C-alpha atoms as a PDB file:
ATOM      1  CA  UNK A   1     -10.109  -8.239  32.591  1.00  0.00           C
ATOM      2  CA  UNK A   2      -6.343  -8.803  32.201  1.00  0.00           C
ATOM      3  CA  UNK A   3      -6.361  -7.302  28.706  1.00  0.00           C
ATOM      4  CA  UNK A   4      -6.300  -3.824  30.255  1.00  0.00           C
ATOM      5  CA  UNK A   5      -3.041  -4.555  32.063  1.00  0.00           C
ATOM      6  CA  UNK A   6      -1.240  -4.950  28.744  1.00  0.00           C
ATOM      7  CA  UNK A   7      -2.252  -1.465  27.625  1.00  0.00           C
ATOM      8  CA  UNK A   8       0.313   0.318  29.744  1.00  0.00           C
ATOM      9  CA  UNK A   9       0.382   2.018  33.094  1.00  0.00           C
ATOM     10  CA  UNK A  10      -1.039   5.112  34.676  1.00  0.00           C
ATOM     11  CA  UNK A  11      -4.733   5.582  35.296  1.00  0.00           C
ATOM     12  CA  UNK A  12      -5.602   2.047  34.203  1.00  0.00           C
ATOM     13  CA  UNK A  13      -3.646   0.617  37.142  1.00  0.00           C
ATOM     14  CA  UNK A  14      -5.964   2.435  39.512  1.00  0.00           C
ATOM     15  CA  UNK A  15      -9.155   1.143  37.883  1.00  0.00           C
ATOM     16  CA  UNK A  16     -10.496  -2.336  38.274  1.00  0.00           C
ATOM     17  CA  UNK A  17     -12.913  -4.319  36.134  1.00  0.00           C
ATOM     18  CA  UNK A  18     -15.994  -3.009  37.962  1.00  0.00           C
ATOM     19  CA  UNK A  19     -14.973   0.557  37.048  1.00  0.00           C
ATOM     20  CA  UNK A  20     -14.667  -0.372  33.383  1.00  0.00           C
ATOM     21  CA  UNK A  21     -17.862  -2.394  33.482  1.00  0.00           C
ATOM     22  CA  UNK A  22     -19.851   0.619  34.614  1.00  0.00           C
ATOM     23  CA  UNK A  23     -18.409   3.083  32.066  1.00  0.00           C
ATOM     24  CA  UNK A  24     -21.094   4.435  29.733  1.00  0.00           C
ATOM     25  CA  UNK A  25     -20.658   3.720  26.041  1.00  0.00           C
ATOM     26  CA  UNK A  26     -21.972   6.492  23.817  1.00  0.00           C
ATOM     27  CA  UNK A  27     -23.913   5.167  20.844  1.00  0.00           C
ATOM     28  CA  UNK A  28     -24.888   7.685  18.170  1.00  0.00           C
ATOM     29  CA  UNK A  29     -28.451   7.689  16.854  1.00  0.00           C
ATOM     30  CA  UNK A  30     -29.199   5.393  13.910  1.00  0.00           C
ATOM     31  CA  UNK A  31     -29.287   8.309  11.441  1.00  0.00           C
ATOM     32  CA  UNK A  32     -25.799   9.394  12.487  1.00  0.00           C
ATOM     33  CA  UNK A  33     -24.560   5.803  12.310  1.00  0.00           C
ATOM     34  CA  UNK A  34     -25.839   5.552   8.728  1.00  0.00           C
ATOM     35  CA  UNK A  35     -24.119   8.839   7.863  1.00  0.00           C
ATOM     36  CA  UNK A  36     -20.866   7.542   9.328  1.00  0.00           C
ATOM     37  CA  UNK A  37     -21.143   4.293   7.371  1.00  0.00           C
ATOM     38  CA  UNK A  38     -21.924   6.226   4.173  1.00  0.00           C
ATOM     39  CA  UNK A  39     -18.873   8.445   4.667  1.00  0.00           C
ATOM     40  CA  UNK A  40     -16.568   5.538   5.486  1.00  0.00           C
ATOM     41  CA  UNK A  41     -17.726   3.655   2.369  1.00  0.00           C
ATOM     42  CA  UNK A  42     -17.177   6.780   0.262  1.00  0.00           C
ATOM     43  CA  UNK A  43     -13.638   7.169   1.589  1.00  0.00           C
ATOM     44  CA  UNK A  44     -13.032   3.444   1.143  1.00  0.00           C
ATOM     45  CA  UNK A  45     -14.015   3.709  -2.557  1.00  0.00           C
ATOM     46  CA  UNK A  46     -11.667   6.652  -3.034  1.00  0.00           C
ATOM     47  CA  UNK A  47      -8.816   4.788  -1.349  1.00  0.00           C
ATOM     48  CA  UNK A  48      -9.548   1.683  -3.425  1.00  0.00           C
ATOM     49  CA  UNK A  49      -9.455   3.740  -6.620  1.00  0.00           C
ATOM     50  CA  UNK A  50      -6.171   5.349  -5.582  1.00  0.00           C
ATOM     51  CA  UNK A  51      -4.683   1.925  -4.832  1.00  0.00           C
ATOM     52  CA  UNK A  52      -5.805   0.676  -8.257  1.00  0.00           C
ATOM     53  CA  UNK A  53      -4.161   3.660  -9.965  1.00  0.00           C
ATOM     54  CA  UNK A  54      -0.921   3.027  -8.052  1.00  0.00           C
ATOM     55  CA  UNK A  55      -0.979  -0.669  -9.000  1.00  0.00           C
ATOM     56  CA  UNK A  56      -1.396   0.270 -12.653  1.00  0.00           C
ATOM     57  CA  UNK A  57       1.499   2.710 -12.329  1.00  0.00           C
ATOM     58  CA  UNK A  58       3.687   0.012 -10.762  1.00  0.00           C
ATOM     59  CA  UNK A  59       2.818  -2.322 -13.650  1.00  0.00           C
ATOM     60  CA  UNK A  60       3.689   0.360 -16.219  1.00  0.00           C
ATOM     61  CA  UNK A  61       6.941   1.203 -14.450  1.00  0.00           C
ATOM     62  CA  UNK A  62       7.899  -2.487 -14.342  1.00  0.00           C
ATOM     63  CA  UNK A  63       7.242  -2.740 -18.092  1.00  0.00           C
ATOM     64  CA  UNK A  64       9.303   0.406 -18.679  1.00  0.00           C
ATOM     65  CA  UNK A  65      12.127  -1.038 -16.576  1.00  0.00           C
ATOM     66  CA  UNK A  66      12.074  -4.271 -18.597  1.00  0.00           C
ATOM     67  CA  UNK A  67      12.159  -2.263 -21.843  1.00  0.00           C
ATOM     68  CA  UNK A  68      15.116  -0.174 -20.642  1.00  0.00           C
ATOM     69  CA  UNK A  69      17.031  -3.266 -19.513  1.00  0.00           C
ATOM     70  CA  UNK A  70      16.241  -5.014 -22.807  1.00  0.00           C
ATOM     71  CA  UNK A  71      17.433  -1.982 -24.796  1.00  0.00           C
ATOM     72  CA  UNK A  72      20.630  -1.740 -22.718  1.00  0.00           C
ATOM     73  CA  UNK A  73      21.374  -5.446 -23.123  1.00  0.00           C
ATOM     74  CA  UNK A  74      20.571  -5.731 -26.820  1.00  0.00           C
ATOM     75  CA  UNK A  75      21.478  -2.269 -28.103  1.00  0.00           C
ATOM     76  CA  UNK A  76      23.888  -0.853 -25.553  1.00  0.00           C
ATOM     77  CA  UNK A  77      23.576   2.211 -23.360  1.00  0.00           C
ATOM     78  CA  UNK A  78      24.333   4.703 -26.157  1.00  0.00           C
ATOM     79  CA  UNK A  79      22.139   3.971 -29.202  1.00  0.00           C
ATOM     80  CA  UNK A  80      24.250   6.293 -31.399  1.00  0.00           C
ATOM     81  CA  UNK A  81      27.335   4.067 -31.064  1.00  0.00           C
ATOM     82  CA  UNK A  82      27.890   1.738 -34.041  1.00  0.00           C
ATOM     83  CA  UNK A  83      28.407  -1.960 -33.421  1.00  0.00           C
ATOM     84  CA  UNK A  84      31.616  -3.733 -34.409  1.00  0.00           C
ATOM     85  CA  UNK A  85      31.813  -7.217 -35.795  1.00  0.00           C
ATOM     86  CA  UNK A  86      32.588  -9.654 -32.995  1.00  0.00           C
ATOM     87  CA  UNK A  87      34.314 -12.129 -35.236  1.00  0.00           C
ATOM     88  CA  UNK A  88      32.485 -14.958 -33.501  1.00  0.00           C
ATOM     89  CA  UNK A  89      29.746 -16.509 -35.673  1.00  0.00           C
ATOM     90  CA  UNK A  90      27.389 -17.534 -32.873  1.00  0.00           C
ATOM     91  CA  UNK A  91      27.491 -14.014 -31.333  1.00  0.00           C
ATOM     92  CA  UNK A  92      26.550 -12.297 -34.602  1.00  0.00           C
ATOM     93  CA  UNK A  93      23.478 -14.419 -35.290  1.00  0.00           C
END
């Protein structure tokens, strides 16, 4: 009964548990319930597929990011620039 008090103020403050207890609850016919379930499952599949596509895209973008960072670290930001000898043997190997 106290759960309703946490939902805010207004009309609910003027209703007590007996009022809520006697409220009718509409229940659609079984055929309509099945149609609702079918629709929700259809939408759920579409959302699941969209999430899978986004996860694949995130994976590809992470791989692209790693490739760009690797290229920048090993080859520099401008690939057309020629490298100079460092003069340090362990750097050139």
